[in-house]
Amino acid sequence: MRKPKKPLPILEKVLITDAGSEGKAIARVGEMVVFLPFVVPGDIVDIQVTRSKRNFMEGKAIKFHEYSEKRVDPFCSHFGLCGGCKWQGMAYEHQLGYKQKQVTDAFDRIGKLDYQGFSSIVPSRRIQEYRNKLEYTFSNKRWLWFENGALADPDPEMRGLGFHLPTMFDRVLDIKHCYLQPEPSNAIRLAVREFSLKMAWTYYDPRNHAGFLRNLVIRTSSKGEAMVIVVFGEDKPEQIREMMEFITEKFPDLWSLYYIINIKDNDTYSDLEPVLYRGNPHLDEYLEDLVFRIGPLSFYQVNIEQSYALYKFVREFAGLTGKEIVYDLYTGTGTIALFLARLAKKVIGIEYVEAAIKDAYENSTFNNITNASFFAGDLAKTLTAEFIEANGIPDVIITDPPRAGMHEKVIEQIIAARPEKLVYVSCNPATQARDLALLKDYYDIVAVQPVDMFPHTQHVENVILAISKK
């Protein structure tokens, strides 16, 4: 007979002391660290422990004794349920302070780095409606929640269109209004939801891999143009046409309308062919005199205003004179490479996603840039001594890896090439600090610039300039 689990304790009148890098706040009870969401440093709360390990606990606030002076009222009705915007209850100026602290903590504690030129974080000009892309999920199991013992939303309809609940792949929070993207984003989502419910079409069931409607993707440009991509889980031409015609009639000014048929068991659709139903094949986005064409599958930074601010720091740190060979590692669609190309002798971009490299070449051709070359391949295998010999020894390396940071073999090749300047852009200060620790015998960090790309979240971008010690 299984031994009953010991009840997890309630911790009373605990002071929240810090904000963590994963979006949860931090408290300390004796020697134990406790992580919990949706509270603010300075709050004093009772905590129901939900998980207990040897070195830490996780929990949730069940009673507030005192509210922090850093608190503000959340503006979104979905706060506390939706997995995004976890810091919405904290005043923006304090969010910035904890993001900057995240960078210094990583550099001091993880990398044990010596660095100079640390600048204050650059705030986002917009703290609402700053994203240019959102992806919603259709689910036949919307999330239901209770307040004071009763259903908070007693609507019997179980189909929902919104965001996945954290850690729940098969449950979706039906979104009434999202503040992340400008209109017509909400209007499109709500209209599509209402029409599909009226038509009694099935929403996707991820456990049984069945259902007609799967995803709704909305992209917007800084000029106010909108692209809609509907992902269908079944190939039903007549119903697809009905949905496309409804969107066309409801939103006649829509810039682009696509659909994708995804009958695979997984949600990825980047390997599938989008079908242009109406309108233009791409959105146009502008960076100074450059035009970037964004298709339904293109990768592009979701906060374009802050991306431009970040790219200007990259350009400043690179300090190009027109004589340099620049390598742009993890180049994506070549945005940074093309932004720098006219100031360099030549730019070499490397990226493992072939579709992104195709976009990079298309954008370089469209912008009449002839000194940029792009290569598709795994960085750890592509950036070799032979590759460098064939393409030239870099004077400057720009690197903008994913959250996991750089592969050790890539770091080894950077050390072997020893460019005069290394500009490292990161969305994860912890892995950035880890990588820079491997480079600290060869490079001095002379400038550090955090940039806030995602208000109301724990995420922070950071760009550094390192100079070779040789």
Protein backbone atom coordinates (compact mmCIF):
# COMPACT_ATOMS: atom_id res chain seq x y z
CA MET A 1 0.00 0.00 0.00
CA ARG A 2 1.38 3.39 -1.01
CA LYS A 3 2.32 5.63 1.90
CA PRO A 4 0.23 8.84 1.88
CA LYS A 5 2.11 11.98 0.96
CA LYS A 6 2.95 14.38 3.73
CA PRO A 7 0.88 17.58 3.43
CA LEU A 8 2.89 20.50 2.12
CA PRO A 9 3.18 23.38 4.58
CA ILE A 10 1.81 26.92 4.57
CA LEU A 11 4.50 29.53 5.22
CA GLU A 12 3.11 32.58 6.99
CA LYS A 13 4.00 36.26 6.63
CA VAL A 14 6.92 35.79 4.25
CA LEU A 15 8.64 38.81 2.69
CA ILE A 16 9.19 38.64 -1.08
CA THR A 17 12.78 39.80 -1.58
CA ASP A 18 13.66 39.55 -5.26
CA ALA A 19 12.45 38.91 -8.81
CA GLY A 20 13.82 35.81 -10.50
CA SER A 21 15.07 35.28 -14.04
CA GLU A 22 12.26 32.84 -14.90
CA GLY A 23 9.46 35.28 -14.09
CA LYS A 24 8.88 34.03 -10.55
CA ALA A 25 9.60 36.06 -7.45
CA ILE A 26 11.93 34.91 -4.69
CA ALA A 27 11.51 34.61 -0.92
CA ARG A 28 13.73 33.07 1.74
CA VAL A 29 12.57 31.08 4.73
CA GLY A 30 15.57 30.22 6.85
CA GLU A 31 18.08 28.63 4.47
CA MET A 32 15.40 27.66 1.99
CA VAL A 33 14.69 29.59 -1.22
CA VAL A 34 11.05 29.75 -2.30
CA PHE A 35 9.92 30.59 -5.86
CA LEU A 36 6.38 31.82 -6.54
CA PRO A 37 4.57 33.67 -9.35
CA PHE A 38 2.44 36.83 -9.51
CA VAL A 39 3.91 38.57 -6.47
CA VAL A 40 6.20 41.60 -6.24
CA PRO A 41 9.33 42.20 -4.16
CA GLY A 42 8.17 43.92 -0.99
CA ASP A 43 4.91 41.96 -0.69
CA ILE A 44 4.36 40.08 2.59
CA VAL A 45 2.31 36.95 1.97
CA ASP A 46 1.28 33.55 3.20
CA ILE A 47 2.61 30.87 0.83
CA GLN A 48 1.07 27.50 0.11
CA VAL A 49 4.00 25.28 -0.81
CA THR A 50 3.25 23.26 -3.94
CA ARG A 51 6.62 21.56 -4.40
CA SER A 52 9.45 20.88 -1.99
CA LYS A 53 12.98 19.86 -2.89
CA ARG A 54 16.17 19.67 -0.89
CA ASN A 55 17.42 23.13 -1.87
CA PHE A 56 14.27 25.02 -2.83
CA MET A 57 10.50 25.17 -2.70
CA GLU A 58 7.82 26.36 -5.09
CA GLY A 59 4.52 27.81 -4.00
CA LYS A 60 1.71 30.30 -4.51
CA ALA A 61 0.52 33.28 -2.50
CA ILE A 62 -2.77 32.55 -0.74
CA LYS A 63 -3.01 35.66 1.46
CA PHE A 64 -1.49 39.14 1.32
CA HIS A 65 -0.61 40.86 4.59
CA GLU A 66 1.13 43.87 3.02
CA TYR A 67 1.40 45.06 -0.56
CA SER A 68 4.69 46.27 -1.98
CA GLU A 69 5.18 49.92 -2.92
CA LYS A 70 6.44 48.57 -6.26
CA ARG A 71 2.99 47.21 -7.09
CA VAL A 72 0.57 48.53 -9.70
CA ASP A 73 -2.86 47.24 -10.71
CA PRO A 74 -2.59 44.80 -13.65
CA PHE A 75 -4.33 46.15 -16.75
CA CYS A 76 -5.19 42.74 -18.27
CA SER A 77 -8.14 40.64 -17.09
CA HIS A 78 -6.16 37.48 -17.88
CA PHE A 79 -3.28 38.33 -15.54
CA GLY A 80 -2.55 35.47 -13.17
CA LEU A 81 -3.78 32.80 -15.59
CA CYS A 82 -2.08 33.58 -18.90
CA GLY A 83 1.55 32.54 -19.05
CA GLY A 84 2.69 35.89 -20.49
CA CYS A 85 3.26 39.31 -18.88
CA LYS A 86 4.12 37.80 -15.48
CA TRP A 87 5.53 41.09 -14.17
CA GLN A 88 2.45 43.12 -15.03
CA GLY A 89 1.74 43.74 -11.34
CA MET A 90 5.08 45.55 -10.93
CA ALA A 91 5.61 49.20 -11.92
CA TYR A 92 7.60 49.43 -15.14
CA GLU A 93 10.52 51.37 -13.65
CA HIS A 94 11.04 48.54 -11.15
CA GLN A 95 10.79 45.92 -13.90
CA LEU A 96 13.69 47.69 -15.60
CA GLY A 97 15.71 47.67 -12.41
CA TYR A 98 15.33 43.92 -11.94
CA LYS A 99 16.15 43.25 -15.58
CA GLN A 100 19.37 45.23 -15.26
CA LYS A 101 20.13 43.35 -12.03
CA GLN A 102 19.62 40.09 -13.91
CA VAL A 103 22.50 41.05 -16.21
CA THR A 104 24.87 42.13 -13.42
CA ASP A 105 24.03 39.03 -11.34
CA ALA A 106 24.80 36.76 -14.29
CA PHE A 107 28.08 38.52 -15.07
CA ASP A 108 29.18 38.63 -11.42
CA ARG A 109 27.97 35.25 -10.16
CA ILE A 110 27.92 32.97 -13.19
CA GLY A 111 30.71 34.36 -15.35
CA LYS A 112 32.75 36.02 -12.59
CA LEU A 113 33.62 38.55 -15.26
CA ASP A 114 35.56 41.78 -15.22
CA TYR A 115 33.74 44.37 -17.32
CA GLN A 116 33.64 48.08 -17.96
CA GLY A 117 31.24 50.52 -19.58
CA PHE A 118 28.00 49.19 -18.08
CA SER A 119 25.14 51.43 -19.26
CA SER A 120 21.60 51.71 -17.90
CA ILE A 121 18.96 49.56 -19.56
CA VAL A 122 17.12 51.13 -22.49
CA PRO A 123 13.36 51.10 -21.77
CA SER A 124 10.77 50.21 -24.37
CA ARG A 125 8.93 53.25 -25.71
CA ARG A 126 5.77 51.15 -25.84
CA ILE A 127 4.87 48.93 -22.91
CA GLN A 128 1.62 47.76 -24.51
CA GLU A 129 0.92 46.71 -28.10
CA TYR A 130 4.63 46.37 -28.85
CA ARG A 131 4.57 42.97 -30.59
CA ASN A 132 4.19 42.54 -34.34
CA LYS A 133 3.32 38.83 -34.20
CA LEU A 134 1.04 36.65 -32.09
CA GLU A 135 0.11 33.00 -32.51
CA TYR A 136 -3.16 31.74 -31.06
CA THR A 137 -4.19 28.11 -30.63
CA PHE A 138 -7.60 26.54 -31.20
CA SER A 139 -8.37 23.89 -28.58
CA ASN A 140 -11.35 21.71 -27.78
CA LYS A 141 -10.42 22.01 -24.09
CA ARG A 142 -10.48 25.59 -22.92
CA TRP A 143 -9.33 26.34 -19.39
CA LEU A 144 -12.02 26.73 -16.71
CA TRP A 145 -11.25 28.35 -13.37
CA PHE A 146 -13.09 28.92 -10.13
CA GLU A 147 -13.52 31.99 -7.94
CA ASN A 148 -15.13 31.72 -4.51
CA GLY A 149 -16.18 28.16 -5.23
CA ALA A 150 -18.00 28.91 -8.49
CA LEU A 151 -17.02 28.92 -12.14
CA ALA A 152 -15.62 32.34 -13.00
CA ASP A 153 -16.78 31.93 -16.61
CA PRO A 154 -19.86 29.66 -16.67
CA ASP A 155 -20.10 29.62 -20.48
CA PRO A 156 -20.64 25.90 -21.31
CA GLU A 157 -18.70 26.19 -24.60
CA MET A 158 -15.48 24.20 -24.21
CA ARG A 159 -13.81 25.31 -27.44
CA GLY A 160 -11.30 28.09 -26.93
CA LEU A 161 -9.00 30.30 -29.01
CA GLY A 162 -6.06 31.77 -27.16
CA PHE A 163 -2.81 30.86 -25.44
CA HIS A 164 -1.64 27.60 -23.90
CA LEU A 165 -1.64 27.51 -20.13
CA PRO A 166 1.90 27.15 -18.73
CA THR A 167 3.03 23.48 -18.80
CA MET A 168 -0.35 22.38 -20.27
CA PHE A 169 -0.05 21.44 -23.92
CA ASP A 170 -3.73 20.54 -24.28
CA ARG A 171 -5.38 23.43 -22.40
CA VAL A 172 -5.94 26.90 -23.84
CA LEU A 173 -7.02 30.07 -22.08
CA ASP A 174 -9.74 31.65 -24.21
CA ILE A 175 -8.53 35.23 -24.68
CA LYS A 176 -11.01 38.11 -24.55
CA HIS A 177 -8.51 40.93 -25.07
CA CYS A 178 -4.73 40.82 -25.45
CA TYR A 179 -2.68 44.00 -24.94
CA LEU A 180 0.44 42.72 -26.68
CA GLN A 181 -0.40 43.53 -30.31
CA PRO A 182 -2.16 46.53 -31.86
CA GLU A 183 -5.51 46.25 -33.60
CA PRO A 184 -6.91 44.70 -35.67
CA SER A 185 -5.40 41.74 -33.82
CA ASN A 186 -8.14 41.36 -31.21
CA ALA A 187 -10.90 42.11 -33.70
CA ILE A 188 -9.65 39.41 -36.07
CA ARG A 189 -9.30 36.78 -33.35
CA LEU A 190 -12.75 37.44 -31.88
CA ALA A 191 -14.43 37.48 -35.30
CA VAL A 192 -12.78 34.20 -36.33
CA ARG A 193 -13.78 32.63 -33.01
CA GLU A 194 -17.42 33.75 -33.30
CA PHE A 195 -17.74 32.59 -36.90
CA SER A 196 -16.14 29.20 -36.29
CA LEU A 197 -18.38 28.53 -33.28
CA LYS A 198 -21.42 29.49 -35.35
CA MET A 199 -20.31 27.06 -38.06
CA ALA A 200 -19.83 24.33 -35.41
CA TRP A 201 -16.36 23.53 -36.73
CA THR A 202 -14.14 21.35 -34.59
CA TYR A 203 -11.20 22.83 -32.68
CA TYR A 204 -8.00 20.83 -32.48
CA ASP A 205 -7.61 18.01 -29.96
CA PRO A 206 -3.84 17.57 -29.41
CA ARG A 207 -4.25 14.29 -27.55
CA ASN A 208 -6.11 12.58 -30.40
CA HIS A 209 -4.52 14.68 -33.19
CA ALA A 210 -7.85 15.62 -34.72
CA GLY A 211 -9.79 18.78 -35.42
CA PHE A 212 -10.35 21.24 -38.26
CA LEU A 213 -9.01 24.51 -36.78
CA ARG A 214 -5.49 24.49 -35.35
CA ASN A 215 -3.77 27.91 -35.20
CA LEU A 216 -4.35 31.56 -36.00
CA VAL A 217 -1.27 33.71 -36.63
CA ILE A 218 -1.50 37.49 -36.92
CA ARG A 219 1.43 39.65 -38.06
CA THR A 220 1.35 43.44 -38.16
CA SER A 221 3.77 46.02 -39.51
CA SER A 222 4.79 49.42 -38.15
CA LYS A 223 2.71 50.93 -41.00
CA GLY A 224 -0.45 49.26 -39.68
CA GLU A 225 -0.67 46.49 -42.29
CA ALA A 226 -1.85 43.07 -41.12
CA MET A 227 -1.19 39.53 -42.31
CA VAL A 228 -3.37 36.62 -41.18
CA ILE A 229 -2.39 32.95 -41.43
CA VAL A 230 -4.96 30.28 -40.54
CA VAL A 231 -3.56 26.82 -39.88
CA PHE A 232 -6.04 24.00 -40.53
CA GLY A 233 -5.70 20.50 -39.10
CA GLU A 234 -7.75 18.88 -41.87
CA ASP A 235 -7.83 19.37 -45.63
CA LYS A 236 -11.45 20.37 -46.20
CA PRO A 237 -11.46 22.70 -49.24
CA GLU A 238 -15.05 23.92 -48.93
CA GLN A 239 -14.79 24.81 -45.23
CA ILE A 240 -11.39 26.41 -45.82
CA ARG A 241 -12.90 28.56 -48.56
CA GLU A 242 -15.76 29.57 -46.24
CA MET A 243 -13.32 30.71 -43.55
CA MET A 244 -11.15 32.60 -46.02
CA GLU A 245 -14.18 34.32 -47.57
CA PHE A 246 -15.49 35.30 -44.15
CA ILE A 247 -12.16 36.93 -43.20
CA THR A 248 -12.01 38.64 -46.61
CA GLU A 249 -15.47 40.16 -46.24
CA LYS A 250 -15.06 41.06 -42.56
CA PHE A 251 -11.64 42.68 -43.01
CA PRO A 252 -11.46 44.04 -46.58
CA ASP A 253 -8.34 46.12 -45.81
CA LEU A 254 -6.29 43.10 -44.76
CA TRP A 255 -2.84 43.22 -46.38
CA SER A 256 -2.29 39.45 -46.67
CA LEU A 257 -4.37 36.34 -46.07
CA TYR A 258 -2.77 32.90 -46.04
CA TYR A 259 -3.68 29.41 -44.97
CA ILE A 260 -1.62 26.33 -44.16
CA ILE A 261 -2.80 22.72 -43.91
CA ASN A 262 -1.01 20.88 -41.10
CA ILE A 263 -2.07 17.24 -40.69
CA LYS A 264 1.10 16.29 -38.80
CA ASP A 265 1.04 15.24 -35.15
CA ASN A 266 3.22 18.21 -34.14
CA ASP A 267 2.38 21.93 -34.20
CA THR A 268 5.34 23.09 -36.28
CA TYR A 269 4.39 24.43 -39.69
CA SER A 270 7.63 26.08 -40.81
CA ASP A 271 8.27 23.11 -43.10
CA LEU A 272 4.84 23.42 -44.77
CA GLU A 273 3.78 25.48 -47.77
CA PRO A 274 1.65 28.54 -47.01
CA VAL A 275 -1.06 29.25 -49.59
CA LEU A 276 -1.70 32.92 -50.40
CA TYR A 277 -5.47 33.27 -50.60
CA ARG A 278 -5.67 37.04 -51.05
CA GLY A 279 -3.52 40.15 -50.96
CA ASN A 280 0.23 40.67 -50.92
CA PRO A 281 2.79 37.90 -50.36
CA HIS A 282 4.68 39.81 -47.66
CA LEU A 283 4.69 42.73 -45.25
CA ASP A 284 7.35 45.43 -45.57
CA GLU A 285 9.29 46.62 -42.54
CA TYR A 286 11.83 49.44 -42.58
CA LEU A 287 15.14 50.06 -40.85
CA GLU A 288 16.47 53.42 -41.98
CA ASP A 289 16.91 53.05 -45.76
CA LEU A 290 16.55 49.25 -45.72
CA VAL A 291 13.35 47.39 -46.55
CA PHE A 292 12.78 43.91 -45.14
CA ARG A 293 10.16 41.68 -46.72
CA ILE A 294 8.40 39.53 -44.14
CA GLY A 295 6.55 36.46 -45.35
CA PRO A 296 4.25 34.14 -43.38
CA LEU A 297 7.18 31.99 -42.22
CA SER A 298 9.85 34.68 -41.86
CA PHE A 299 11.65 35.19 -38.58
CA TYR A 300 11.71 38.85 -37.55
CA GLN A 301 12.13 40.56 -34.22
CA VAL A 302 8.70 41.05 -32.64
CA ASN A 303 9.43 44.48 -31.11
CA ILE A 304 10.69 46.42 -34.10
CA GLU A 305 11.27 49.74 -32.31
CA GLN A 306 13.49 48.14 -29.68
CA SER A 307 15.19 45.97 -32.28
CA TYR A 308 16.23 49.14 -34.08
CA ALA A 309 17.63 50.53 -30.82
CA LEU A 310 19.57 47.30 -30.26
CA TYR A 311 20.91 47.22 -33.83
CA LYS A 312 22.20 50.77 -33.45
CA PHE A 313 24.22 49.66 -30.42
CA VAL A 314 25.60 46.75 -32.46
CA ARG A 315 26.61 49.20 -35.20
CA GLU A 316 28.18 51.59 -32.69
CA PHE A 317 30.11 48.81 -30.96
CA ALA A 318 31.33 47.35 -34.27
CA GLY A 319 32.78 50.77 -35.24
CA LEU A 320 33.12 49.90 -38.92
CA THR A 321 35.21 52.00 -41.31
CA GLY A 322 34.49 50.20 -44.59
CA LYS A 323 37.63 48.03 -44.46
CA GLU A 324 36.43 45.23 -42.19
CA ILE A 325 35.37 41.65 -42.83
CA VAL A 326 32.40 40.99 -40.54
CA TYR A 327 31.01 37.60 -39.57
CA ASP A 328 27.40 37.56 -38.34
CA LEU A 329 26.85 34.27 -36.49
CA TYR A 330 23.29 32.99 -35.99
CA THR A 331 22.31 35.58 -38.59
CA GLY A 332 18.65 34.52 -38.90
CA THR A 333 17.21 36.37 -41.88
CA GLY A 334 20.32 38.55 -42.03
CA THR A 335 18.83 41.65 -40.42
CA ILE A 336 21.96 42.68 -38.50
CA ALA A 337 24.24 41.64 -41.36
CA LEU A 338 22.38 43.78 -43.87
CA PHE A 339 22.11 46.65 -41.39
CA LEU A 340 25.93 46.71 -41.21
CA ALA A 341 26.83 45.70 -44.76
CA ARG A 342 27.17 49.16 -46.29
CA LEU A 343 29.71 50.10 -43.62
CA ALA A 344 31.88 47.01 -44.10
CA LYS A 345 34.14 45.54 -46.75
CA LYS A 346 32.02 42.40 -46.69
CA VAL A 347 29.69 40.55 -44.35
CA ILE A 348 29.38 36.79 -43.92
CA GLY A 349 26.19 35.47 -42.30
CA ILE A 350 25.78 31.91 -41.02
CA GLU A 351 22.49 30.37 -39.87
CA TYR A 352 21.30 26.76 -39.52
CA VAL A 353 17.74 27.42 -40.82
CA GLU A 354 17.83 27.26 -44.63
CA ALA A 355 14.55 29.15 -45.04
CA ALA A 356 16.00 32.05 -43.07
CA ILE A 357 19.05 32.15 -45.34
CA LYS A 358 16.72 32.27 -48.35
CA ASP A 359 15.01 35.32 -46.80
CA ALA A 360 18.40 36.91 -46.14
CA TYR A 361 19.40 36.58 -49.79
CA GLU A 362 16.05 37.93 -50.97
CA ASN A 363 16.38 40.95 -48.70
CA SER A 364 19.98 41.59 -49.77
CA THR A 365 18.93 41.47 -53.44
CA PHE A 366 15.92 43.72 -52.88
CA ASN A 367 18.13 46.29 -51.08
CA ASN A 368 20.90 46.11 -53.73
CA ILE A 369 23.48 44.89 -51.21
CA THR A 370 26.22 43.00 -53.04
CA ASN A 371 28.85 42.53 -50.32
CA ALA A 372 26.86 40.13 -48.10
CA SER A 373 27.06 36.34 -48.37
CA PHE A 374 24.98 33.87 -46.41
CA PHE A 375 25.56 30.22 -45.54
CA ALA A 376 23.16 27.65 -44.12
CA GLY A 377 24.52 25.10 -41.69
CA ASP A 378 25.16 24.12 -38.10
CA LEU A 379 27.53 26.78 -36.70
CA ALA A 380 29.60 24.19 -34.84
CA LYS A 381 30.26 22.37 -38.13
CA THR A 382 30.27 25.30 -40.57
CA LEU A 383 32.55 27.76 -38.79
CA THR A 384 35.81 25.89 -39.34
CA ALA A 385 39.38 26.91 -40.11
CA GLU A 386 38.74 25.97 -43.75
CA PHE A 387 35.63 28.16 -43.88
CA ILE A 388 37.56 31.12 -42.46
CA GLU A 389 40.42 30.57 -44.89
CA ALA A 390 37.97 30.55 -47.81
CA ASN A 391 35.98 33.62 -46.71
CA GLY A 392 38.60 35.73 -44.97
CA ILE A 393 39.74 36.26 -41.39
CA PRO A 394 37.09 38.32 -39.59
CA ASP A 395 37.96 41.70 -38.11
CA VAL A 396 34.63 41.78 -36.26
CA ILE A 397 32.35 38.94 -35.18
CA ILE A 398 28.72 39.61 -34.33
CA THR A 399 27.00 36.74 -32.55
CA ASP A 400 23.33 36.53 -31.60
CA PRO A 401 22.71 32.93 -30.50
CA PRO A 402 19.48 31.38 -29.18
CA ARG A 403 18.81 31.19 -25.44
CA ALA A 404 21.06 28.16 -25.05
CA GLY A 405 24.08 30.27 -26.03
CA MET A 406 26.99 29.28 -28.25
CA HIS A 407 28.34 25.79 -28.80
CA GLU A 408 31.83 25.31 -27.32
CA LYS A 409 33.22 24.56 -30.79
CA VAL A 410 31.96 27.95 -31.99
CA ILE A 411 33.73 29.61 -29.05
CA GLU A 412 36.90 27.69 -29.93
CA GLN A 413 36.76 28.99 -33.49
CA ILE A 414 36.24 32.56 -32.29
CA ILE A 415 39.36 32.20 -30.15
CA ALA A 416 41.27 30.70 -33.09
CA ALA A 417 40.18 33.51 -35.45
CA ARG A 418 40.74 36.19 -32.78
CA PRO A 419 38.87 39.08 -34.40
CA GLU A 420 39.74 42.47 -32.97
CA LYS A 421 36.14 43.01 -31.86
CA LEU A 422 33.44 40.67 -30.63
CA VAL A 423 29.88 41.99 -30.33
CA TYR A 424 27.71 39.49 -28.46
CA VAL A 425 23.91 39.97 -28.48
CA SER A 426 22.00 37.74 -26.10
CA CYS A 427 18.44 37.09 -24.96
CA ASN A 428 19.77 35.13 -21.96
CA PRO A 429 22.36 36.85 -19.74
CA ALA A 430 23.08 33.58 -17.92
CA THR A 431 24.33 31.71 -21.01
CA GLN A 432 25.99 34.89 -22.28
CA ALA A 433 27.96 35.13 -19.03
CA ARG A 434 28.88 31.44 -19.27
CA ASP A 435 30.19 31.90 -22.83
CA LEU A 436 32.09 35.08 -21.98
CA ALA A 437 33.78 33.27 -19.09
CA LEU A 438 35.34 30.94 -21.68
CA LEU A 439 36.56 33.98 -23.62
CA LYS A 440 37.84 36.15 -20.75
CA ASP A 441 41.48 35.13 -21.16
CA TYR A 442 41.36 36.44 -24.72
CA TYR A 443 38.93 39.41 -24.60
CA ASP A 444 38.23 42.43 -22.40
CA ILE A 445 34.60 43.47 -22.02
CA VAL A 446 34.56 47.25 -22.54
CA ALA A 447 30.83 47.98 -23.01
CA VAL A 448 27.61 46.39 -21.73
CA GLN A 449 24.18 47.59 -22.85
CA PRO A 450 20.90 45.95 -21.73
CA VAL A 451 17.79 46.65 -23.83
CA ASP A 452 14.20 45.90 -22.82
CA MET A 453 12.40 44.19 -25.68
CA PHE A 454 9.55 42.59 -23.73
CA PRO A 455 7.86 44.80 -21.09
CA HIS A 456 6.00 43.02 -18.27
CA THR A 457 8.12 39.89 -18.71
CA GLN A 458 11.40 38.82 -17.12
CA HIS A 459 13.17 38.74 -20.49
CA VAL A 460 16.02 41.13 -21.27
CA GLU A 461 18.34 41.53 -24.26
CA ASN A 462 21.96 42.41 -23.63
CA VAL A 463 24.70 43.45 -26.05
CA ILE A 464 28.39 43.64 -25.14
CA LEU A 465 31.55 44.79 -26.88
CA ALA A 466 34.70 42.80 -26.21
CA ILE A 467 38.16 43.78 -27.48
CA SER A 468 40.90 41.25 -28.20
CA LYS A 469 43.81 41.24 -25.74
CA LYS A 470 46.29 40.36 -28.46
